[in-house]
Amino acid sequence: MGKKRKMYSPEFKAKVALAAVKNEETMSELSARFGVHPTMINRWKRSLLESAADVFGKGQKSKKENEAKVDELYKQIGKLKVANDFLSEKLNL
């Protein structure tokens, strides 16, 4: 039988990674405090630092995507209005 791996929540990983980024404690101290192997702490820290820019970039990307979606929806509304007007005109004759 194999070993069962522990599953850590994203909140816990973030907490540990932030503590590692602060450099107030050594990896050994963090490992003992949180009960996680130092290799895992280093991996979470690296992941946090690599993805930190994404936190600030999401808002700008979302605005562009939202504008594009709004434009597309306005186009669809215009087409539907033209089709609706045409059909109501034909039905009234």
Protein backbone atom coordinates (compact mmCIF):
# COMPACT_ATOMS: atom_id res chain seq x y z
CA MET A 1 0.00 0.00 0.00
CA GLY A 2 1.16 3.49 -0.84
CA LYS A 3 1.41 6.52 1.33
CA LYS A 4 -1.56 8.84 1.40
CA ARG A 5 -0.57 12.40 0.55
CA LYS A 6 -1.73 15.33 2.59
CA MET A 7 -3.88 17.85 0.79
CA TYR A 8 -3.42 21.49 1.74
CA SER A 9 -5.91 24.25 1.08
CA PRO A 10 -4.93 27.18 -1.13
CA GLU A 11 -5.35 29.48 1.88
CA PHE A 12 -2.87 27.45 3.91
CA LYS A 13 -0.38 27.38 1.04
CA ALA A 14 -0.67 31.15 0.64
CA LYS A 15 -0.17 31.69 4.37
CA VAL A 16 2.97 29.53 4.40
CA ALA A 17 4.35 31.05 1.19
CA LEU A 18 3.83 34.59 2.50
CA ALA A 19 5.63 33.68 5.71
CA ALA A 20 8.51 32.33 3.59
CA VAL A 21 8.62 35.50 1.47
CA LYS A 22 8.90 37.65 4.59
CA ASN A 23 12.17 35.86 5.52
CA GLU A 24 11.54 36.43 9.22
CA GLU A 25 12.12 32.74 9.99
CA THR A 26 14.39 30.11 8.51
CA MET A 27 13.00 27.30 6.38
CA SER A 28 13.58 24.89 9.26
CA GLU A 29 11.58 27.09 11.62
CA LEU A 30 8.75 27.47 9.08
CA SER A 31 8.78 23.73 8.46
CA ALA A 32 8.46 22.99 12.17
CA ARG A 33 5.84 25.68 12.70
CA PHE A 34 3.55 24.61 9.86
CA GLY A 35 4.41 20.90 9.71
CA VAL A 36 5.39 21.03 6.04
CA HIS A 37 8.62 19.90 4.39
CA PRO A 38 10.98 22.76 3.44
CA THR A 39 10.91 21.65 -0.19
CA MET A 40 7.15 22.19 -0.30
CA ILE A 41 7.53 25.60 1.29
CA ASN A 42 10.11 26.57 -1.35
CA ARG A 43 7.84 25.31 -4.13
CA TRP A 44 4.85 27.29 -2.81
CA LYS A 45 7.03 30.39 -2.36
CA ARG A 46 8.32 30.14 -5.95
CA SER A 47 4.80 29.63 -7.25
CA LEU A 48 3.57 32.68 -5.33
CA LEU A 49 6.36 34.88 -6.66
CA GLU A 50 5.88 33.68 -10.25
CA SER A 51 2.13 34.29 -10.24
CA ALA A 52 2.13 37.56 -8.27
CA ALA A 53 2.01 39.67 -11.45
CA ASP A 54 -1.15 37.84 -12.58
CA VAL A 55 -3.04 39.23 -9.59
CA PHE A 56 -2.60 42.77 -10.89
CA GLY A 57 -2.96 41.92 -14.58
CA LYS A 58 -6.37 40.26 -14.34
CA GLY A 59 -8.32 43.50 -13.97
CA GLN A 60 -6.94 45.02 -17.17
CA LYS A 61 -7.51 41.86 -19.17
CA SER A 62 -11.04 41.51 -17.87
CA LYS A 63 -11.96 45.06 -18.88
CA LYS A 64 -10.84 44.44 -22.45
CA GLU A 65 -12.69 41.13 -22.57
CA ASN A 66 -15.82 42.70 -21.09
CA GLU A 67 -15.77 45.54 -23.65
CA ALA A 68 -15.45 43.01 -26.47
CA LYS A 69 -18.37 40.99 -25.07
CA VAL A 70 -20.52 44.12 -24.70
CA ASP A 71 -19.77 45.14 -28.29
CA GLU A 72 -20.70 41.68 -29.54
CA LEU A 73 -23.94 41.72 -27.56
CA TYR A 74 -24.87 45.15 -28.95
CA LYS A 75 -24.31 43.79 -32.47
CA GLN A 76 -26.59 40.84 -31.73
CA ILE A 77 -29.25 43.15 -30.27
CA GLY A 78 -29.10 45.30 -33.40
CA LYS A 79 -29.53 42.28 -35.67
CA LEU A 80 -32.43 40.96 -33.62
CA LYS A 81 -34.12 44.38 -33.62
CA VAL A 82 -33.86 44.62 -37.41
CA ALA A 83 -35.25 41.10 -37.81
CA ASN A 84 -38.05 41.82 -35.30
CA ASP A 85 -39.01 45.07 -37.06
CA PHE A 86 -39.01 43.33 -40.44
CA LEU A 87 -41.21 40.47 -39.20
CA SER A 88 -43.67 42.77 -37.41
CA GLU A 89 -43.95 44.87 -40.55
CA LYS A 90 -44.72 41.78 -42.67
CA LEU A 91 -47.28 40.45 -40.19
CA ASN A 92 -49.21 43.75 -40.09
CA LEU A 93 -49.72 43.75 -43.88
